[in-house]
Structures are given as C-alpha cells and as structure tokens.
N, C-alpha and C. Protein backbone atom coordinates (compact mmCIF):
# COMPACT_ATOMS: atom_id res chain seq x y z
N MET A 1 51.53 -1.27 20.89
CA MET A 1 50.68 -0.78 21.96
C MET A 1 49.27 -0.55 21.42
N ILE A 2 48.30 -0.99 22.15
CA ILE A 2 46.90 -0.83 21.78
C ILE A 2 46.51 0.63 21.99
N LYS A 3 45.79 1.19 21.03
CA LYS A 3 45.37 2.58 21.16
C LYS A 3 44.00 2.64 21.85
N ILE A 4 43.99 3.35 22.96
CA ILE A 4 42.77 3.57 23.73
C ILE A 4 42.60 5.07 23.86
N GLY A 5 41.42 5.56 23.54
CA GLY A 5 41.16 6.99 23.61
C GLY A 5 41.30 7.54 25.02
N HIS A 6 41.56 8.83 25.10
CA HIS A 6 41.78 9.51 26.38
C HIS A 6 40.61 9.29 27.34
N GLN A 7 39.39 9.52 26.89
CA GLN A 7 38.23 9.36 27.76
C GLN A 7 38.06 7.91 28.22
N ASP A 8 38.31 6.97 27.31
CA ASP A 8 38.22 5.56 27.68
C ASP A 8 39.28 5.20 28.73
N ARG A 9 40.49 5.76 28.59
CA ARG A 9 41.54 5.50 29.58
C ARG A 9 41.14 6.06 30.95
N LEU A 10 40.60 7.29 30.97
CA LEU A 10 40.18 7.88 32.24
C LEU A 10 39.08 7.05 32.90
N LYS A 11 38.11 6.62 32.10
CA LYS A 11 37.02 5.79 32.63
C LYS A 11 37.57 4.46 33.13
N ALA A 12 38.47 3.86 32.37
CA ALA A 12 39.05 2.57 32.77
C ALA A 12 39.83 2.72 34.08
N LEU A 13 40.58 3.80 34.22
CA LEU A 13 41.32 4.03 35.46
C LEU A 13 40.39 4.20 36.65
N ASP A 14 39.35 4.98 36.47
CA ASP A 14 38.40 5.22 37.55
C ASP A 14 37.74 3.92 37.98
N THR A 15 37.28 3.15 37.03
CA THR A 15 36.61 1.90 37.37
C THR A 15 37.60 0.86 37.90
N LEU A 16 38.85 0.91 37.43
CA LEU A 16 39.87 0.00 37.94
C LEU A 16 40.11 0.25 39.43
N LEU A 17 40.17 1.51 39.83
CA LEU A 17 40.37 1.83 41.24
C LEU A 17 39.21 1.31 42.09
N ASN A 18 37.99 1.45 41.59
CA ASN A 18 36.83 0.91 42.30
C ASN A 18 36.89 -0.62 42.37
N ALA A 19 37.31 -1.24 41.28
CA ALA A 19 37.41 -2.70 41.25
C ALA A 19 38.49 -3.18 42.24
N ARG A 20 39.59 -2.45 42.32
CA ARG A 20 40.65 -2.80 43.27
C ARG A 20 40.11 -2.73 44.71
N ARG A 21 39.37 -1.68 45.01
CA ARG A 21 38.78 -1.56 46.35
C ARG A 21 37.84 -2.73 46.64
N SER A 22 37.03 -3.09 45.68
CA SER A 22 36.11 -4.22 45.86
C SER A 22 36.88 -5.50 46.13
N HIS A 23 37.95 -5.70 45.36
CA HIS A 23 38.78 -6.89 45.55
C HIS A 23 39.38 -6.89 46.95
N THR A 24 39.92 -5.77 47.38
CA THR A 24 40.55 -5.67 48.69
C THR A 24 39.55 -5.97 49.81
N LEU A 25 38.32 -5.47 49.66
CA LEU A 25 37.29 -5.75 50.66
C LEU A 25 36.94 -7.24 50.69
N TRP A 26 36.82 -7.85 49.51
CA TRP A 26 36.51 -9.28 49.43
C TRP A 26 37.58 -10.09 50.14
N VAL A 27 38.84 -9.79 49.84
CA VAL A 27 39.94 -10.53 50.45
C VAL A 27 39.94 -10.33 51.97
N SER A 28 39.69 -9.12 52.40
CA SER A 28 39.65 -8.84 53.83
C SER A 28 38.56 -9.67 54.52
N GLU A 29 37.40 -9.72 53.92
CA GLU A 29 36.31 -10.49 54.50
C GLU A 29 36.65 -11.98 54.55
N VAL A 30 37.20 -12.49 53.48
CA VAL A 30 37.52 -13.92 53.40
C VAL A 30 38.63 -14.29 54.38
N THR A 31 39.60 -13.41 54.57
CA THR A 31 40.74 -13.76 55.42
C THR A 31 40.55 -13.43 56.90
N HIS A 32 39.62 -12.55 57.22
CA HIS A 32 39.47 -12.14 58.62
C HIS A 32 38.26 -12.72 59.33
N GLN A 33 37.38 -13.34 58.60
CA GLN A 33 36.19 -13.90 59.23
C GLN A 33 36.22 -15.42 59.14
N GLN A 34 35.80 -16.06 60.19
CA GLN A 34 35.78 -17.53 60.19
C GLN A 34 34.77 -18.08 59.18
N ALA A 35 33.63 -17.44 59.05
CA ALA A 35 32.59 -17.90 58.13
C ALA A 35 32.11 -16.71 57.30
N PRO A 36 32.93 -16.26 56.37
CA PRO A 36 32.54 -15.08 55.59
C PRO A 36 31.34 -15.35 54.69
N CYS A 37 30.56 -14.34 54.49
CA CYS A 37 29.43 -14.42 53.58
C CYS A 37 29.83 -13.65 52.32
N VAL A 38 30.35 -14.37 51.33
CA VAL A 38 30.87 -13.72 50.13
C VAL A 38 30.28 -14.36 48.89
N ILE A 39 30.33 -13.61 47.81
CA ILE A 39 29.92 -14.14 46.51
C ILE A 39 31.03 -15.06 46.03
N GLU A 40 30.68 -16.28 45.73
CA GLU A 40 31.68 -17.28 45.37
C GLU A 40 31.98 -17.30 43.87
N ASP A 41 31.02 -16.97 43.04
CA ASP A 41 31.18 -17.00 41.59
C ASP A 41 32.06 -15.82 41.14
N HIS A 42 33.19 -16.14 40.50
CA HIS A 42 34.14 -15.09 40.12
C HIS A 42 33.60 -14.10 39.09
N THR A 43 32.50 -14.43 38.44
CA THR A 43 31.93 -13.49 37.47
C THR A 43 30.85 -12.61 38.09
N ARG A 44 30.47 -12.89 39.34
CA ARG A 44 29.37 -12.16 39.96
C ARG A 44 29.82 -11.21 41.08
N CYS A 45 31.07 -11.30 41.51
CA CYS A 45 31.56 -10.35 42.50
C CYS A 45 31.80 -9.02 41.78
N ASP A 46 32.01 -7.97 42.52
CA ASP A 46 32.19 -6.65 41.90
C ASP A 46 33.38 -6.62 40.95
N PHE A 47 34.49 -7.25 41.35
CA PHE A 47 35.67 -7.26 40.48
C PHE A 47 35.38 -8.05 39.20
N GLY A 48 34.72 -9.19 39.35
CA GLY A 48 34.37 -9.99 38.18
C GLY A 48 33.44 -9.27 37.23
N LYS A 49 32.48 -8.55 37.79
CA LYS A 49 31.58 -7.74 36.95
C LYS A 49 32.36 -6.67 36.22
N TRP A 50 33.33 -6.06 36.92
CA TRP A 50 34.15 -5.05 36.27
C TRP A 50 34.95 -5.66 35.12
N LEU A 51 35.52 -6.85 35.33
CA LEU A 51 36.27 -7.50 34.25
C LEU A 51 35.41 -7.67 33.01
N ILE A 52 34.18 -8.10 33.20
CA ILE A 52 33.28 -8.32 32.07
C ILE A 52 32.94 -6.99 31.40
N GLU A 53 32.61 -5.97 32.19
CA GLU A 53 32.25 -4.66 31.64
C GLU A 53 33.42 -3.99 30.93
N ALA A 54 34.62 -4.10 31.48
CA ALA A 54 35.79 -3.42 30.92
C ALA A 54 36.36 -4.13 29.69
N GLU A 55 35.91 -5.33 29.44
CA GLU A 55 36.45 -6.09 28.31
C GLU A 55 36.27 -5.37 26.98
N GLY A 56 35.19 -4.63 26.84
CA GLY A 56 34.96 -3.91 25.60
C GLY A 56 36.03 -2.87 25.30
N ILE A 57 36.54 -2.23 26.33
CA ILE A 57 37.58 -1.20 26.16
C ILE A 57 38.98 -1.80 26.25
N LEU A 58 39.17 -2.72 27.19
CA LEU A 58 40.52 -3.20 27.51
C LEU A 58 40.80 -4.64 27.07
N GLY A 59 39.84 -5.27 26.44
CA GLY A 59 39.95 -6.69 26.12
C GLY A 59 41.17 -7.11 25.33
N SER A 60 41.79 -6.20 24.60
CA SER A 60 42.97 -6.57 23.81
C SER A 60 44.28 -6.13 24.48
N VAL A 61 44.20 -5.57 25.66
CA VAL A 61 45.38 -5.12 26.40
C VAL A 61 45.89 -6.28 27.27
N GLN A 62 47.14 -6.67 27.06
CA GLN A 62 47.68 -7.83 27.77
C GLN A 62 47.61 -7.68 29.28
N GLU A 63 47.87 -6.49 29.78
CA GLU A 63 47.82 -6.27 31.22
C GLU A 63 46.41 -6.51 31.78
N PHE A 64 45.40 -6.27 30.98
CA PHE A 64 44.02 -6.57 31.37
C PHE A 64 43.76 -8.07 31.28
N ILE A 65 44.16 -8.67 30.20
CA ILE A 65 43.98 -10.11 30.00
C ILE A 65 44.61 -10.89 31.16
N ASP A 66 45.75 -10.41 31.64
CA ASP A 66 46.48 -11.09 32.71
C ASP A 66 45.75 -11.08 34.06
N LEU A 67 44.68 -10.32 34.18
CA LEU A 67 43.92 -10.28 35.44
C LEU A 67 42.99 -11.48 35.61
N GLY A 68 42.53 -12.02 34.51
CA GLY A 68 41.49 -13.04 34.55
C GLY A 68 41.85 -14.30 35.32
N GLU A 69 43.01 -14.86 35.04
CA GLU A 69 43.36 -16.15 35.66
C GLU A 69 43.56 -16.04 37.17
N PRO A 70 44.34 -15.09 37.68
CA PRO A 70 44.47 -15.05 39.14
C PRO A 70 43.15 -14.71 39.84
N HIS A 71 42.29 -13.94 39.19
CA HIS A 71 41.00 -13.64 39.79
C HIS A 71 40.16 -14.92 39.93
N LYS A 72 40.10 -15.70 38.86
CA LYS A 72 39.36 -16.97 38.92
C LYS A 72 40.02 -17.92 39.93
N GLN A 73 41.34 -17.97 39.92
CA GLN A 73 42.07 -18.84 40.85
C GLN A 73 41.77 -18.46 42.30
N LEU A 74 41.63 -17.19 42.57
CA LEU A 74 41.31 -16.71 43.91
C LEU A 74 39.98 -17.30 44.39
N HIS A 75 38.97 -17.21 43.54
CA HIS A 75 37.66 -17.75 43.90
C HIS A 75 37.70 -19.27 44.00
N ASP A 76 38.38 -19.93 43.05
CA ASP A 76 38.47 -21.39 43.08
C ASP A 76 39.17 -21.87 44.35
N THR A 77 40.23 -21.17 44.74
CA THR A 77 40.96 -21.53 45.95
C THR A 77 40.07 -21.33 47.17
N TYR A 78 39.35 -20.23 47.20
CA TYR A 78 38.43 -20.00 48.32
C TYR A 78 37.43 -21.14 48.42
N LEU A 79 36.83 -21.51 47.29
CA LEU A 79 35.83 -22.59 47.31
C LEU A 79 36.44 -23.92 47.78
N SER A 80 37.65 -24.22 47.31
CA SER A 80 38.26 -25.50 47.68
C SER A 80 38.66 -25.53 49.15
N LEU A 81 38.95 -24.37 49.73
CA LEU A 81 39.39 -24.32 51.12
C LEU A 81 38.29 -23.88 52.08
N LYS A 82 37.13 -23.54 51.52
CA LYS A 82 36.05 -22.98 52.33
C LYS A 82 35.70 -23.85 53.53
N ALA A 83 35.62 -25.14 53.32
CA ALA A 83 35.24 -26.05 54.40
C ALA A 83 36.42 -26.42 55.29
N ASP A 84 37.62 -26.05 54.88
CA ASP A 84 38.81 -26.36 55.65
C ASP A 84 38.77 -25.61 56.98
N GLN A 85 38.99 -26.32 58.04
CA GLN A 85 38.96 -25.70 59.37
C GLN A 85 40.22 -24.89 59.66
N ASP A 86 41.24 -25.06 58.83
CA ASP A 86 42.49 -24.32 59.04
C ASP A 86 42.35 -22.93 58.43
N HIS A 87 41.79 -22.02 59.21
CA HIS A 87 41.54 -20.66 58.75
C HIS A 87 42.85 -19.96 58.35
N ALA A 88 43.92 -20.22 59.07
CA ALA A 88 45.21 -19.59 58.77
C ALA A 88 45.71 -20.02 57.39
N LEU A 89 45.57 -21.30 57.07
CA LEU A 89 45.99 -21.79 55.75
C LEU A 89 45.17 -21.13 54.65
N ARG A 90 43.85 -21.11 54.84
CA ARG A 90 42.98 -20.49 53.84
C ARG A 90 43.36 -19.03 53.64
N SER A 91 43.53 -18.32 54.72
CA SER A 91 43.87 -16.90 54.63
C SER A 91 45.21 -16.68 53.94
N SER A 92 46.18 -17.52 54.26
CA SER A 92 47.51 -17.39 53.65
C SER A 92 47.46 -17.63 52.15
N ARG A 93 46.77 -18.67 51.72
CA ARG A 93 46.68 -18.98 50.28
C ARG A 93 45.93 -17.87 49.54
N ILE A 94 44.85 -17.37 50.14
CA ILE A 94 44.09 -16.29 49.50
C ILE A 94 44.96 -15.04 49.38
N ARG A 95 45.68 -14.70 50.44
CA ARG A 95 46.54 -13.50 50.39
C ARG A 95 47.63 -13.64 49.33
N ASP A 96 48.20 -14.83 49.18
CA ASP A 96 49.24 -15.05 48.16
C ASP A 96 48.70 -14.79 46.76
N ILE A 97 47.55 -15.35 46.46
CA ILE A 97 46.95 -15.16 45.13
C ILE A 97 46.54 -13.70 44.97
N SER A 98 46.03 -13.11 46.02
CA SER A 98 45.62 -11.70 45.96
C SER A 98 46.81 -10.80 45.62
N ARG A 99 47.98 -11.11 46.19
CA ARG A 99 49.18 -10.30 45.87
C ARG A 99 49.48 -10.35 44.37
N THR A 100 49.34 -11.53 43.79
CA THR A 100 49.56 -11.65 42.34
C THR A 100 48.55 -10.80 41.59
N LEU A 101 47.30 -10.85 41.98
CA LEU A 101 46.26 -10.07 41.31
C LEU A 101 46.52 -8.57 41.48
N ILE A 102 46.89 -8.14 42.68
CA ILE A 102 47.18 -6.72 42.92
C ILE A 102 48.38 -6.28 42.07
N ASP A 103 49.40 -7.11 41.97
CA ASP A 103 50.55 -6.78 41.12
C ASP A 103 50.10 -6.58 39.67
N ARG A 104 49.20 -7.40 39.22
CA ARG A 104 48.71 -7.29 37.84
C ARG A 104 47.79 -6.08 37.68
N ILE A 105 47.03 -5.76 38.70
CA ILE A 105 46.23 -4.52 38.66
C ILE A 105 47.16 -3.33 38.57
N ASP A 106 48.24 -3.36 39.34
CA ASP A 106 49.23 -2.27 39.29
C ASP A 106 49.82 -2.14 37.88
N SER A 107 50.09 -3.26 37.24
CA SER A 107 50.63 -3.23 35.87
C SER A 107 49.64 -2.59 34.91
N LEU A 108 48.37 -2.93 35.05
CA LEU A 108 47.36 -2.33 34.19
C LEU A 108 47.24 -0.83 34.47
N GLU A 109 47.29 -0.46 35.73
CA GLU A 109 47.22 0.96 36.07
C GLU A 109 48.39 1.73 35.46
N LYS A 110 49.59 1.16 35.53
CA LYS A 110 50.77 1.80 34.91
C LYS A 110 50.57 1.93 33.41
N TYR A 111 50.06 0.88 32.79
CA TYR A 111 49.80 0.92 31.35
C TYR A 111 48.84 2.07 31.02
N LEU A 112 47.77 2.18 31.79
CA LEU A 112 46.76 3.20 31.51
C LEU A 112 47.26 4.62 31.81
N ASN A 113 48.22 4.73 32.70
CA ASN A 113 48.77 6.04 33.06
C ASN A 113 49.95 6.48 32.19
N ARG A 114 50.44 5.60 31.34
CA ARG A 114 51.55 5.96 30.46
C ARG A 114 51.17 7.12 29.56
N PRO A 115 52.09 8.06 29.40
CA PRO A 115 51.80 9.18 28.46
C PRO A 115 51.54 8.64 27.06
N ARG A 116 50.60 9.22 26.41
CA ARG A 116 50.21 8.81 25.05
C ARG A 116 50.37 9.98 24.11
N SER A 117 50.47 9.64 22.87
CA SER A 117 50.52 10.69 21.85
C SER A 117 49.22 10.74 21.06
N ASP A 118 48.14 10.15 21.64
CA ASP A 118 46.85 10.13 20.92
C ASP A 118 46.01 11.29 21.24
C-alpha cells in the first residue's frame, strides 16, 4: 500500500468529490442536450485538470491510475459520436463509460477512506 499523509488524503478526498461532481455535470450535459457545449479535450475539462493536479499525490496509487483510461475513452467516444444524429445511442454509450469511471472513482474514494496507521 502506498503511504499518503493524512493531510494529503483529506485534500485528495475533497478534490475527488469536486471532480466527481464536475464529471457528473459533464455527462448530464452531453446526454441531455441535443447540441451540448462542452470541453472536448480530456485534459482541459475540470475532471481532467484534477487528474493532472492530483498526480503528484496519487500518481502511484493504482485506483487513481485506473481513472485515466475510461476518462479519455469518455471524451473520445463523445467526439466520435458527436455528429451522430442518434442522440439516444450517444447518450447510452456515454452513460456506460461514465458508470465505469464512477465505479473507479468509488474505488479510489474507498482507498482514501481506509483506516491508516500513519
């Protein structure tokens, strides 16, 4: 288990919750609007910025590492389906990938909330 100091864990948890909210809002906009106005670059959305910022503290934690691929896949899928007129298909695919990302966020949150002896 990677050792992360108490203050770093608290900060990571707080920012993780904010990042989760940002992700949820992004998915909601993409799935509920016919022509959403969203940031397409996975490194420039709020969640992507959080991933980059949190890497210094959490970069060696597997639960954190596991967030990167589904997050990028979410944006890539959105871009590939953006012009697709089948809004239901786009929304369904985005929601499926989002569930994977949320599950991985939950895993990281559990990791950060585990009792420590540090």
